Each structure stands twice: as structure tokens, then as C-alpha cells.
C-alpha atoms as a PDB file:
ATOM      1  CA  MET A   1      -3.511-162.688 -22.140  1.00  0.00           C
ATOM      2  CA  VAL A   2      -6.135-163.841 -24.604  1.00  0.00           C
ATOM      3  CA  GLY A   3      -5.680-167.281 -26.084  1.00  0.00           C
ATOM      4  CA  GLN A   4      -4.370-167.811 -29.610  1.00  0.00           C
ATOM      5  CA  GLN A   5      -7.757-169.132 -30.769  1.00  0.00           C
ATOM      6  CA  GLU A   6      -9.472-165.903 -29.791  1.00  0.00           C
ATOM      7  CA  VAL A   7      -6.864-163.865 -31.691  1.00  0.00           C
ATOM      8  CA  GLU A   8      -7.415-165.979 -34.786  1.00  0.00           C
ATOM      9  CA  ARG A   9     -11.169-165.453 -34.545  1.00  0.00           C
ATOM     10  CA  GLY A  10     -10.749-161.673 -34.500  1.00  0.00           C
ATOM     11  CA  HIS A  11     -11.635-161.235 -30.803  1.00  0.00           C
ATOM     12  CA  ALA A  12      -8.255-159.948 -29.637  1.00  0.00           C
ATOM     13  CA  PRO A  13      -8.302-156.911 -27.319  1.00  0.00           C
ATOM     14  CA  PRO A  14      -7.830-153.480 -28.944  1.00  0.00           C
ATOM     15  CA  GLY A  15      -4.205-152.589 -29.563  1.00  0.00           C
ATOM     16  CA  THR A  16      -2.922-156.191 -29.726  1.00  0.00           C
ATOM     17  CA  GLU A  17      -3.397-156.486 -33.493  1.00  0.00           C
ATOM     18  CA  ARG A  18      -1.160-154.478 -35.789  1.00  0.00           C
ATOM     19  CA  GLY A  19      -2.531-152.973 -38.952  1.00  0.00           C
ATOM     20  CA  LYS A  20      -1.041-153.567 -42.341  1.00  0.00           C
ATOM     21  CA  ARG A  21       1.703-151.337 -43.659  1.00  0.00           C
ATOM     22  CA  MET A  22      -0.492-149.326 -46.008  1.00  0.00           C
ATOM     23  CA  ARG A  23      -3.682-149.850 -44.049  1.00  0.00           C
ATOM     24  CA  PRO A  24      -3.409-148.799 -40.401  1.00  0.00           C
ATOM     25  CA  LYS A  25      -5.879-150.222 -37.907  1.00  0.00           C
ATOM     26  CA  PHE A  26      -7.722-147.656 -35.806  1.00  0.00           C
ATOM     27  CA  HIS A  27      -8.482-148.734 -32.252  1.00  0.00           C
ATOM     28  CA  TYR A  28     -11.324-146.456 -31.257  1.00  0.00           C
ATOM     29  CA  GLU A  29     -11.454-147.985 -27.768  1.00  0.00           C
ATOM     30  CA  LEU A  30      -7.919-146.753 -27.146  1.00  0.00           C
ATOM     31  CA  ILE A  31      -8.863-143.309 -28.436  1.00  0.00           C
ATOM     32  CA  GLY A  32     -11.789-143.179 -25.998  1.00  0.00           C
ATOM     33  CA  CYS A  33      -9.665-144.277 -23.051  1.00  0.00           C
ATOM     34  CA  GLY A  34      -6.924-141.873 -24.052  1.00  0.00           C
ATOM     35  CA  LEU A  35      -9.375-138.981 -23.995  1.00  0.00           C
ATOM     36  CA  GLY A  36     -11.558-139.927 -21.032  1.00  0.00           C
ATOM     37  CA  GLY A  37      -9.611-142.515 -19.069  1.00  0.00           C
ATOM     38  CA  HIS A  38     -10.287-146.205 -18.488  1.00  0.00           C
ATOM     39  CA  GLU A  39     -13.741-147.485 -17.572  1.00  0.00           C
ATOM     40  CA  LEU A  40     -13.013-149.493 -14.404  1.00  0.00           C
ATOM     41  CA  LEU A  41     -15.652-151.173 -12.250  1.00  0.00           C
ATOM     42  CA  GLY A  42     -15.348-152.232  -8.630  1.00  0.00           C
ATOM     43  CA  THR A  43     -12.744-149.706  -7.489  1.00  0.00           C
ATOM     44  CA  ASP A  44     -15.013-148.832  -4.551  1.00  0.00           C
ATOM     45  CA  VAL A  45     -16.054-152.330  -3.376  1.00  0.00           C
ATOM     46  CA  ALA A  46     -14.836-154.090  -0.255  1.00  0.00           C
ATOM     47  CA  THR A  47     -14.884-157.709  -1.412  1.00  0.00           C
ATOM     48  CA  ILE A  48     -14.133-159.305  -4.773  1.00  0.00           C
ATOM     49  CA  ARG A  49     -15.987-162.567  -5.400  1.00  0.00           C
ATOM     50  CA  PRO A  50     -15.020-165.372  -7.803  1.00  0.00           C
ATOM     51  CA  ILE A  51     -17.978-164.433 -10.015  1.00  0.00           C
ATOM     52  CA  ASP A  52     -16.423-160.982 -10.477  1.00  0.00           C
ATOM     53  CA  ASP A  53     -13.328-162.293 -12.263  1.00  0.00           C
ATOM     54  CA  LEU A  54     -14.647-161.004 -15.601  1.00  0.00           C
ATOM     55  CA  LEU A  55     -14.107-157.461 -14.325  1.00  0.00           C
ATOM     56  CA  VAL A  56     -11.822-157.592 -11.285  1.00  0.00           C
ATOM     57  CA  ARG A  57      -9.255-160.127 -10.108  1.00  0.00           C
ATOM     58  CA  GLU A  58      -7.400-160.295  -6.816  1.00  0.00           C
ATOM     59  CA  PRO A  59      -4.389-162.651  -7.164  1.00  0.00           C
ATOM     60  CA  GLY A  60      -3.353-162.247  -3.523  1.00  0.00           C
ATOM     61  CA  ASP A  61      -0.288-160.037  -3.898  1.00  0.00           C
ATOM     62  CA  GLY A  62      -1.923-157.027  -2.273  1.00  0.00           C
ATOM     63  CA  LEU A  63      -3.152-155.583  -5.565  1.00  0.00           C
ATOM     64  CA  ARG A  64      -6.347-155.847  -7.543  1.00  0.00           C
ATOM     65  CA  TRP A  65      -6.383-156.039 -11.316  1.00  0.00           C
ATOM     66  CA  TYR A  66      -9.274-154.027 -12.773  1.00  0.00           C
ATOM     67  CA  ARG A  67     -10.354-154.598 -16.344  1.00  0.00           C
ATOM     68  CA  CYS A  68     -11.288-151.638 -18.515  1.00  0.00           C
ATOM     69  CA  VAL A  69     -14.651-152.574 -19.992  1.00  0.00           C
ATOM     70  CA  ARG A  70     -13.940-150.412 -23.044  1.00  0.00           C
ATOM     71  CA  CYS A  71     -10.400-151.326 -24.174  1.00  0.00           C
ATOM     72  CA  ASP A  72      -9.793-154.563 -22.181  1.00  0.00           C
ATOM     73  CA  ALA A  73      -6.653-153.232 -20.477  1.00  0.00           C
ATOM     74  CA  TRP A  74      -5.971-154.638 -16.986  1.00  0.00           C
ATOM     75  CA  VAL A  75      -4.893-151.976 -14.470  1.00  0.00           C
ATOM     76  CA  PRO A  76      -3.293-152.906 -11.102  1.00  0.00           C
ATOM     77  CA  LEU A  77      -4.499-150.789  -8.173  1.00  0.00           C
ATOM     78  CA  ALA A  78      -4.515-151.134  -4.413  1.00  0.00           C
ATOM     79  CA  PRO A  79      -7.854-152.052  -2.783  1.00  0.00           C
ATOM     80  CA  PRO A  80      -9.853-149.012  -1.635  1.00  0.00           C
ATOM     81  CA  LEU A  81      -9.149-147.754   1.883  1.00  0.00           C
ATOM     82  CA  ALA A  82     -12.753-146.650   2.384  1.00  0.00           C
ATOM     83  CA  PRO A  83     -15.031-148.799   0.185  1.00  0.00           C
ATOM     84  CA  THR A  84     -18.541-147.516  -0.382  1.00  0.00           C
ATOM     85  CA  ARG A  85     -20.213-150.843  -1.172  1.00  0.00           C
ATOM     86  CA  GLU A  86     -19.663-154.490  -0.337  1.00  0.00           C
ATOM     87  CA  HIS A  87     -19.829-156.144  -3.761  1.00  0.00           C
ATOM     88  CA  LEU A  88     -19.991-155.297  -7.435  1.00  0.00           C
ATOM     89  CA  PRO A  89     -23.521-154.533  -8.644  1.00  0.00           C
ATOM     90  CA  ASP A  90     -25.430-157.013 -10.781  1.00  0.00           C
ATOM     91  CA  ARG A  91     -24.959-156.916 -14.530  1.00  0.00           C
ATOM     92  CA  SER A  92     -28.428-155.466 -14.983  1.00  0.00           C
ATOM     93  CA  GLU A  93     -27.328-152.402 -13.002  1.00  0.00           C
ATOM     94  CA  ILE A  94     -24.174-151.788 -15.054  1.00  0.00           C
ATOM     95  CA  THR A  95     -24.153-149.755 -18.284  1.00  0.00           C
ATOM     96  CA  LEU A  96     -21.281-150.862 -20.483  1.00  0.00           C
ATOM     97  CA  PRO A  97     -19.595-148.389 -22.855  1.00  0.00           C
ATOM     98  CA  LEU A  98     -19.565-148.842 -26.604  1.00  0.00           C
ATOM     99  CA  ARG A  99     -16.843-150.956 -28.198  1.00  0.00           C
ATOM    100  CA  GLY A 100     -15.860-152.103 -31.659  1.00  0.00           C
ATOM    101  CA  ARG A 101     -17.802-150.940 -34.695  1.00  0.00           C
ATOM    102  CA  PRO A 102     -20.590-149.221 -32.711  1.00  0.00           C
ATOM    103  CA  LEU A 103     -17.918-147.046 -31.072  1.00  0.00           C
ATOM    104  CA  ARG A 104     -16.397-146.329 -34.477  1.00  0.00           C
ATOM    105  CA  ASP A 105     -19.808-145.259 -35.746  1.00  0.00           C
ATOM    106  CA  ARG A 106     -20.223-142.967 -32.744  1.00  0.00           C
ATOM    107  CA  TYR A 107     -17.005-141.120 -33.607  1.00  0.00           C
ATOM    108  CA  VAL A 108     -17.811-140.875 -37.325  1.00  0.00           C
ATOM    109  CA  LEU A 109     -21.382-139.680 -36.738  1.00  0.00           C
ATOM    110  CA  ARG A 110     -20.188-137.010 -34.327  1.00  0.00           C
ATOM    111  CA  LEU A 111     -17.599-135.869 -36.846  1.00  0.00           C
ATOM    112  CA  ILE A 112     -20.389-135.469 -39.411  1.00  0.00           C
ATOM    113  CA  ALA A 113     -22.453-133.681 -36.744  1.00  0.00           C
ATOM    114  CA  LEU A 114     -19.650-131.150 -36.239  1.00  0.00           C
ATOM    115  CA  ASP A 115     -19.554-130.573 -40.006  1.00  0.00           C
ATOM    116  CA  ARG A 116     -23.292-129.935 -39.960  1.00  0.00           C
ATOM    117  CA  LEU A 117     -22.861-127.572 -37.016  1.00  0.00           C
ATOM    118  CA  VAL A 118     -20.416-125.486 -39.062  1.00  0.00           C
ATOM    119  CA  HIS A 119     -22.972-125.395 -41.885  1.00  0.00           C
ATOM    120  CA  PHE A 120     -25.632-124.243 -39.427  1.00  0.00           C
ATOM    121  CA  VAL A 121     -23.479-121.356 -38.190  1.00  0.00           C
ATOM    122  CA  VAL A 122     -22.503-120.207 -41.693  1.00  0.00           C
ATOM    123  CA  LEU A 123     -26.038-120.444 -43.096  1.00  0.00           C
ATOM    124  CA  GLY A 124     -27.478-118.764 -40.015  1.00  0.00           C
ATOM    125  CA  VAL A 125     -25.107-115.823 -40.376  1.00  0.00           C
ATOM    126  CA  LEU A 126     -25.927-115.535 -44.087  1.00  0.00           C
ATOM    127  CA  ALA A 127     -29.667-115.613 -43.407  1.00  0.00           C
ATOM    128  CA  LEU A 128     -29.323-112.927 -40.738  1.00  0.00           C
ATOM    129  CA  ALA A 129     -27.244-110.799 -43.114  1.00  0.00           C
ATOM    130  CA  VAL A 130     -29.880-111.090 -45.851  1.00  0.00           C
ATOM    131  CA  PHE A 131     -32.692-110.108 -43.459  1.00  0.00           C
ATOM    132  CA  LEU A 132     -30.708-107.133 -42.144  1.00  0.00           C
ATOM    133  CA  PHE A 133     -29.845-106.065 -45.665  1.00  0.00           C
ATOM    134  CA  ALA A 134     -33.486-106.287 -46.765  1.00  0.00           C
ATOM    135  CA  ALA A 135     -34.631-104.220 -43.786  1.00  0.00           C
ATOM    136  CA  ASN A 136     -32.016-101.479 -44.250  1.00  0.00           C
ATOM    137  CA  ARG A 137     -31.480-101.551 -47.982  1.00  0.00           C
ATOM    138  CA  ALA A 138     -32.529 -97.949 -48.610  1.00  0.00           C
ATOM    139  CA  ALA A 139     -30.064 -96.486 -46.135  1.00  0.00           C
ATOM    140  CA  LEU A 140     -27.312 -98.872 -47.197  1.00  0.00           C
ATOM    141  CA  SER A 141     -27.898 -98.104 -50.863  1.00  0.00           C
ATOM    142  CA  HIS A 142     -27.449 -94.343 -50.341  1.00  0.00           C
ATOM    143  CA  THR A 143     -24.251 -94.848 -48.353  1.00  0.00           C
ATOM    144  CA  PHE A 144     -22.927 -97.428 -50.822  1.00  0.00           C
ATOM    145  CA  TYR A 145     -23.211 -95.155 -53.835  1.00  0.00           C
ATOM    146  CA  GLN A 146     -21.687 -92.202 -51.957  1.00  0.00           C
ATOM    147  CA  ILE A 147     -18.658 -94.302 -51.020  1.00  0.00           C
ATOM    148  CA  LEU A 148     -18.448 -95.731 -54.533  1.00  0.00           C
ATOM    149  CA  ASP A 149     -18.434 -92.259 -56.130  1.00  0.00           C
ATOM    150  CA  ALA A 150     -15.816 -90.997 -53.672  1.00  0.00           C
ATOM    151  CA  VAL A 151     -13.497 -93.978 -54.168  1.00  0.00           C
ATOM    152  CA  GLN A 152     -13.761 -94.151 -57.931  1.00  0.00           C
ATOM    153  CA  GLY A 153     -13.521 -90.371 -58.293  1.00  0.00           C
ATOM    154  CA  GLY A 154     -10.461 -90.284 -56.020  1.00  0.00           C
ATOM    155  CA  VAL A 155      -8.562 -92.743 -58.204  1.00  0.00           C
ATOM    156  CA  GLY A 156      -9.598 -91.061 -61.421  1.00  0.00           C
ATOM    157  CA  GLY A 157     -12.215 -93.651 -62.358  1.00  0.00           C
ATOM    158  CA  PRO A 158     -15.767 -93.046 -63.568  1.00  0.00           C
ATOM    159  CA  ASN A 159     -18.442 -92.077 -61.099  1.00  0.00           C
ATOM    160  CA  GLY A 160     -22.007 -93.337 -60.780  1.00  0.00           C
ATOM    161  CA  GLN A 161     -23.109 -96.764 -61.943  1.00  0.00           C
ATOM    162  CA  ALA A 162     -19.930 -97.881 -63.710  1.00  0.00           C
ATOM    163  CA  GLY A 163     -17.760-100.739 -62.531  1.00  0.00           C
ATOM    164  CA  GLY A 164     -17.806-104.509 -62.459  1.00  0.00           C
ATOM    165  CA  GLY A 165     -16.882-107.499 -60.383  1.00  0.00           C
ATOM    166  CA  ILE A 166     -18.003-107.349 -56.771  1.00  0.00           C
ATOM    167  CA  LEU A 167     -19.349-103.828 -57.239  1.00  0.00           C
ATOM    168  CA  GLN A 168     -21.620-105.066 -59.997  1.00  0.00           C
ATOM    169  CA  GLU A 169     -22.874-107.863 -57.742  1.00  0.00           C
ATOM    170  CA  LEU A 170     -23.608-105.362 -54.986  1.00  0.00           C
ATOM    171  CA  ARG A 171     -25.589-103.210 -57.425  1.00  0.00           C
ATOM    172  CA  ARG A 172     -27.627-106.267 -58.389  1.00  0.00           C
ATOM    173  CA  ALA A 173     -28.308-106.957 -54.720  1.00  0.00           C
ATOM    174  CA  PHE A 174     -29.557-103.418 -54.181  1.00  0.00           C
ATOM    175  CA  ALA A 175     -31.792-103.780 -57.235  1.00  0.00           C
ATOM    176  CA  THR A 176     -33.313-107.083 -56.066  1.00  0.00           C
ATOM    177  CA  LYS A 177     -36.976-107.040 -55.071  1.00  0.00           C
ATOM    178  CA  PRO A 178     -37.708-107.111 -51.312  1.00  0.00           C
ATOM    179  CA  SER A 179     -39.834-110.226 -51.762  1.00  0.00           C
ATOM    180  CA  THR A 180     -36.920-112.018 -53.439  1.00  0.00           C
ATOM    181  CA  LEU A 181     -34.548-111.076 -50.623  1.00  0.00           C
ATOM    182  CA  LEU A 182     -37.083-112.303 -48.074  1.00  0.00           C
ATOM    183  CA  LEU A 183     -37.420-115.609 -49.929  1.00  0.00           C
ATOM    184  CA  VAL A 184     -33.646-116.052 -50.059  1.00  0.00           C
ATOM    185  CA  GLY A 185     -33.380-115.331 -46.335  1.00  0.00           C
ATOM    186  CA  LEU A 186     -36.123-117.821 -45.511  1.00  0.00           C
ATOM    187  CA  VAL A 187     -34.486-120.536 -47.625  1.00  0.00           C
ATOM    188  CA  LEU A 188     -31.138-119.951 -45.913  1.00  0.00           C
ATOM    189  CA  ALA A 189     -32.758-119.948 -42.472  1.00  0.00           C
ATOM    190  CA  GLY A 190     -34.703-123.137 -43.237  1.00  0.00           C
ATOM    191  CA  TYR A 191     -31.570-124.867 -44.477  1.00  0.00           C
ATOM    192  CA  ALA A 192     -29.724-123.746 -41.335  1.00  0.00           C
ATOM    193  CA  VAL A 193     -32.440-125.251 -39.137  1.00  0.00           C
ATOM    194  CA  LEU A 194     -32.231-128.496 -41.134  1.00  0.00           C
ATOM    195  CA  GLU A 195     -28.469-128.646 -40.561  1.00  0.00           C
ATOM    196  CA  ALA A 196     -28.975-128.034 -36.836  1.00  0.00           C
ATOM    197  CA  VAL A 197     -31.521-130.867 -36.603  1.00  0.00           C
ATOM    198  CA  GLU A 198     -29.105-133.183 -38.428  1.00  0.00           C
ATOM    199  CA  ALA A 199     -26.251-132.207 -36.100  1.00  0.00           C
ATOM    200  CA  VAL A 200     -28.238-132.884 -32.925  1.00  0.00           C
ATOM    201  CA  GLY A 201     -29.667-136.172 -34.210  1.00  0.00           C
ATOM    202  CA  LEU A 202     -26.296-137.466 -35.404  1.00  0.00           C
ATOM    203  CA  TRP A 203     -24.555-136.454 -32.178  1.00  0.00           C
ATOM    204  CA  PHE A 204     -26.929-138.685 -30.212  1.00  0.00           C
ATOM    205  CA  ALA A 205     -26.810-141.432 -32.896  1.00  0.00           C
ATOM    206  CA  HIS A 206     -30.513-141.417 -33.785  1.00  0.00           C
ATOM    207  CA  ARG A 207     -31.441-143.606 -36.735  1.00  0.00           C
ATOM    208  CA  TRP A 208     -33.843-141.029 -38.169  1.00  0.00           C
ATOM    209  CA  ALA A 209     -31.015-138.478 -38.300  1.00  0.00           C
ATOM    210  CA  GLU A 210     -28.972-140.834 -40.473  1.00  0.00           C
ATOM    211  CA  TYR A 211     -31.824-141.075 -42.990  1.00  0.00           C
ATOM    212  CA  LEU A 212     -32.421-137.302 -42.873  1.00  0.00           C
ATOM    213  CA  THR A 213     -28.732-136.554 -43.420  1.00  0.00           C
ATOM    214  CA  PHE A 214     -28.510-139.051 -46.274  1.00  0.00           C
ATOM    215  CA  ILE A 215     -31.520-137.581 -48.106  1.00  0.00           C
ATOM    216  CA  ALA A 216     -30.488-133.944 -47.554  1.00  0.00           C
ATOM    217  CA  THR A 217     -26.875-134.566 -48.580  1.00  0.00           C
ATOM    218  CA  THR A 218     -27.864-136.577 -51.648  1.00  0.00           C
ATOM    219  CA  LEU A 219     -30.138-133.788 -52.858  1.00  0.00           C
ATOM    220  CA  LEU A 220     -27.340-131.306 -52.275  1.00  0.00           C
ATOM    221  CA  LEU A 221     -25.052-133.287 -54.589  1.00  0.00           C
ATOM    222  CA  ILE A 222     -27.123-132.260 -57.620  1.00  0.00           C
ATOM    223  CA  PRO A 223     -26.309-128.504 -57.501  1.00  0.00           C
ATOM    224  CA  GLU A 224     -22.744-129.255 -56.395  1.00  0.00           C
ATOM    225  CA  ILE A 225     -22.088-131.418 -59.459  1.00  0.00           C
ATOM    226  CA  TYR A 226     -23.781-128.826 -61.675  1.00  0.00           C
ATOM    227  CA  GLU A 227     -21.492-126.121 -60.239  1.00  0.00           C
ATOM    228  CA  LEU A 228     -18.478-128.109 -61.412  1.00  0.00           C
ATOM    229  CA  THR A 229     -19.657-127.769 -65.018  1.00  0.00           C
ATOM    230  CA  GLY A 230     -18.736-124.123 -64.743  1.00  0.00           C
ATOM    231  CA  ARG A 231     -15.816-122.836 -62.730  1.00  0.00           C
ATOM    232  CA  ILE A 232     -13.927-125.546 -60.835  1.00  0.00           C
ATOM    233  CA  THR A 233     -12.354-124.568 -57.519  1.00  0.00           C
ATOM    234  CA  ALA A 234     -10.596-126.503 -54.768  1.00  0.00           C
ATOM    235  CA  THR A 235     -13.370-125.611 -52.318  1.00  0.00           C
ATOM    236  CA  LYS A 236     -16.050-127.077 -54.589  1.00  0.00           C
ATOM    237  CA  ILE A 237     -14.083-130.291 -55.081  1.00  0.00           C
ATOM    238  CA  ILE A 238     -13.383-130.723 -51.353  1.00  0.00           C
ATOM    239  CA  THR A 239     -17.039-130.097 -50.487  1.00  0.00           C
ATOM    240  CA  LEU A 240     -18.191-132.623 -53.085  1.00  0.00           C
ATOM    241  CA  VAL A 241     -15.722-135.257 -51.870  1.00  0.00           C
ATOM    242  CA  ILE A 242     -16.808-134.794 -48.238  1.00  0.00           C
ATOM    243  CA  ASN A 243     -20.489-135.102 -49.104  1.00  0.00           C
ATOM    244  CA  LEU A 244     -19.860-138.172 -51.278  1.00  0.00           C
ATOM    245  CA  ALA A 245     -17.991-139.764 -48.372  1.00  0.00           C
ATOM    246  CA  VAL A 246     -20.877-138.971 -46.001  1.00  0.00           C
ATOM    247  CA  VAL A 247     -23.433-140.478 -48.397  1.00  0.00           C
ATOM    248  CA  GLY A 248     -21.318-143.588 -48.962  1.00  0.00           C
ATOM    249  CA  TYR A 249     -20.686-144.107 -45.248  1.00  0.00           C
ATOM    250  CA  LEU A 250     -24.342-143.736 -44.278  1.00  0.00           C
ATOM    251  CA  LEU A 251     -25.533-145.971 -47.084  1.00  0.00           C
ATOM    252  CA  PHE A 252     -23.060-148.843 -46.699  1.00  0.00           C
ATOM    253  CA  ALA A 253     -21.604-148.702 -43.181  1.00  0.00           C
ATOM    254  CA  LYS A 254     -24.907-147.780 -41.523  1.00  0.00           C
ATOM    255  CA  ARG A 255     -26.927-150.098 -43.799  1.00  0.00           C
ATOM    256  CA  LEU A 256     -29.678-147.627 -44.679  1.00  0.00           C
ATOM    257  CA  PHE A 257     -32.740-148.679 -46.693  1.00  0.00           C
ATOM    258  CA  GLY A 258     -32.147-152.344 -45.885  1.00  0.00           C
ATOM    259  CA  LEU A 259     -28.757-152.451 -47.568  1.00  0.00           C
ATOM    260  CA  ARG A 260     -26.438-155.226 -46.306  1.00  0.00           C
ATOM    261  CA  GLY A 261     -29.115-156.534 -43.995  1.00  0.00           C
ATOM    262  CA  GLY A 262     -30.423-153.169 -42.844  1.00  0.00           C
ATOM    263  CA  GLY A 263     -31.156-152.288 -39.249  1.00  0.00           C
ATOM    264  CA  ARG A 264     -31.432-155.909 -38.153  1.00  0.00           C
ATOM    265  CA  ALA A 265     -27.872-156.652 -39.293  1.00  0.00           C
ATOM    266  CA  GLU A 266     -26.627-153.489 -37.604  1.00  0.00           C
ATOM    267  CA  ALA A 267     -28.316-154.503 -34.341  1.00  0.00           C
ATOM    268  CA  ALA A 268     -26.660-157.921 -34.563  1.00  0.00           C
ATOM    269  CA  GLU A 269     -23.303-156.260 -35.181  1.00  0.00           C
ATOM    270  CA  ARG A 270     -23.837-154.025 -32.184  1.00  0.00           C
ATOM    271  CA  ALA A 271     -24.714-157.012 -29.977  1.00  0.00           C
ATOM    272  CA  HIS A 272     -21.596-158.824 -31.173  1.00  0.00           C
ATOM    273  CA  ASP A 273     -19.162-155.994 -30.446  1.00  0.00           C
ATOM    274  CA  THR A 274     -20.770-154.472 -27.350  1.00  0.00           C
ATOM    275  CA  GLY A 275     -22.117-156.028 -24.169  1.00  0.00           C
ATOM    276  CA  TRP A 276     -21.308-158.837 -21.788  1.00  0.00           C
ATOM    277  CA  GLN A 277     -20.830-161.435 -24.495  1.00  0.00           C
ATOM    278  CA  ALA A 278     -18.109-159.306 -26.064  1.00  0.00           C
ATOM    279  CA  LEU A 279     -16.354-159.079 -22.699  1.00  0.00           C
ATOM    280  CA  GLU A 280     -16.594-162.829 -22.178  1.00  0.00           C
ATOM    281  CA  ARG A 281     -15.120-163.568 -25.612  1.00  0.00           C
ATOM    282  CA  THR A 282     -12.007-161.476 -24.915  1.00  0.00           C
ATOM    283  CA  SER A 283     -11.566-162.439 -21.251  1.00  0.00           C
ATOM    284  CA  PRO A 284      -8.428-164.376 -20.354  1.00  0.00           C
ATOM    285  CA  PRO A 285      -9.007-167.618 -18.427  1.00  0.00           C
ATOM    286  CA  ALA A 286      -8.911-167.313 -14.659  1.00  0.00           C
ATOM    287  CA  ARG A 287      -6.027-168.940 -12.850  1.00  0.00           C
ATOM    288  CA  ALA A 288      -6.820-171.672 -10.379  1.00  0.00           C
END
């Protein structure tokens, strides 16, 4: 167990600190281990040395205690029957998983990336529909008006160009210039590509993708707020809230544009929560 001093300093292992009643504490390390299993080192080595006690301990009862380098859980397992190497590799050869706030950021950025992926699919389908409509508008227009006359005549309504609502919008679409339709399709396709670039960059946690997403989302807030001056719908409000949350998270949590210390402070935070020093801070003392 970790000493009381380490708990007071905020270095307790994930899952050992309870959140407040109205403010639950998310342990992203436990989420990662729950989804992908523990990250254990040395399960294939023949001999455990005293210098390995940060990761593996062998108390002499026939079991080895392996430390998960993500969530700090200690797992008892029997020594391997057919070890593949003699000792644990050097620290320089080991890649440690993310922990703490960097791991939290990984989950949040990938959640935003999935949102951008949905945008890419929707905008891509719309762009394709506009291009197909522009290429086949003449044939579609003839069929549309035939169906419209048959339906409205069958229910006793007026034939021809009468009507409103969605039918009126369709008539406007058929009357739109080909160049305008092409421009609309290109704008939708370009926006879809932008969303795809954001999704890929955020998924792999690239800094440039955070700036790109912040700028693109901030610009998108202008028409979204303007839309609310007209008809207010639940979809518009939810979309605005999500985009405001994305902008706020990128600006403050990710310290863009030098805010709260900028990239240097984020690198220091990453070094504090991830790496060998983080493991040493939360390591229980070895027994004699």
C-alpha cells in the first residue's frame, strides 16, 4: 500500500480515492485496464532482481506480484514455466502507457474525433447527393413533377406548380443554377475533408489537430448562434452546447495559444503524470 504522505500529496493509485458525492472522480486508468487488461511487465522472465521491485516482486511464497504500469494494481501470478528471457529489459527499452491527465486527454480527444467522424460521413453523403442531383436534375425534374401531379390530382388537390412546404423547397432546388449546386457540393465536400483531417489528427493526439479543431469549431459557432435567432430546436441547442464544450476544453484543458502556461506547462504535466517518476512516486516501499 502507498504511504499516507503520498495519498495526501495526491499521488495515490487510481481507484483508492473516492470522489465527492456530487462530483464523481473518473479513473481513466481503470477504464483502460477494464477494456484492454492490465499492462504487466516481466511475466516472461526467468529471474527477478532486486532492482526490478518497482515492477515485479517475488516475496518467496511461490508467487510473483506484477505491477500494472497503468493503474498500479498488483496482480499475483505464478512464475512462467517457459520463460523467454532472463531479466527484465532496461527502462530505455520499455514504453510505458499513458496515465493521469494525459490519459484523460487521450479519451476526450478520441471522443471528439468520433464526433468529427460522424460529421464527415453526414457531410460526405450530402455532398454526394448534391453532385448526383446536379448531374441528373433534368431527368429527376420530369419524374418529380409527374409524381407530384399524380399525387395531388389523386387527392383532389391542384396540379402543376402549386403546393408548399417540402414540395416548395424541392421546386427551388430544381430551379437552382447548376453552378450554384456545384458550389454547394464543393463546400460540403471541402468541409467533410476538413472534418476527416480533424478526426485523424485528434485520434492520434497531434497538437496541430487541436488548433485546427479549435479554429474550425469557433468559426462554426457564428452561424449556429445566428440560427438560434430564428427557430429554436433541441438539435440546434445540443449542437451548440457540444461545440462550446469542445472549444472550452481545447482552450483551457489543452492550454492552446499559451493559455495557462501553454505547451510547456502541458509537457510538464505529462511528465508528472506519466513515466518512471510517476511510478516511483506511487510505489509502495519494498519489504526487507
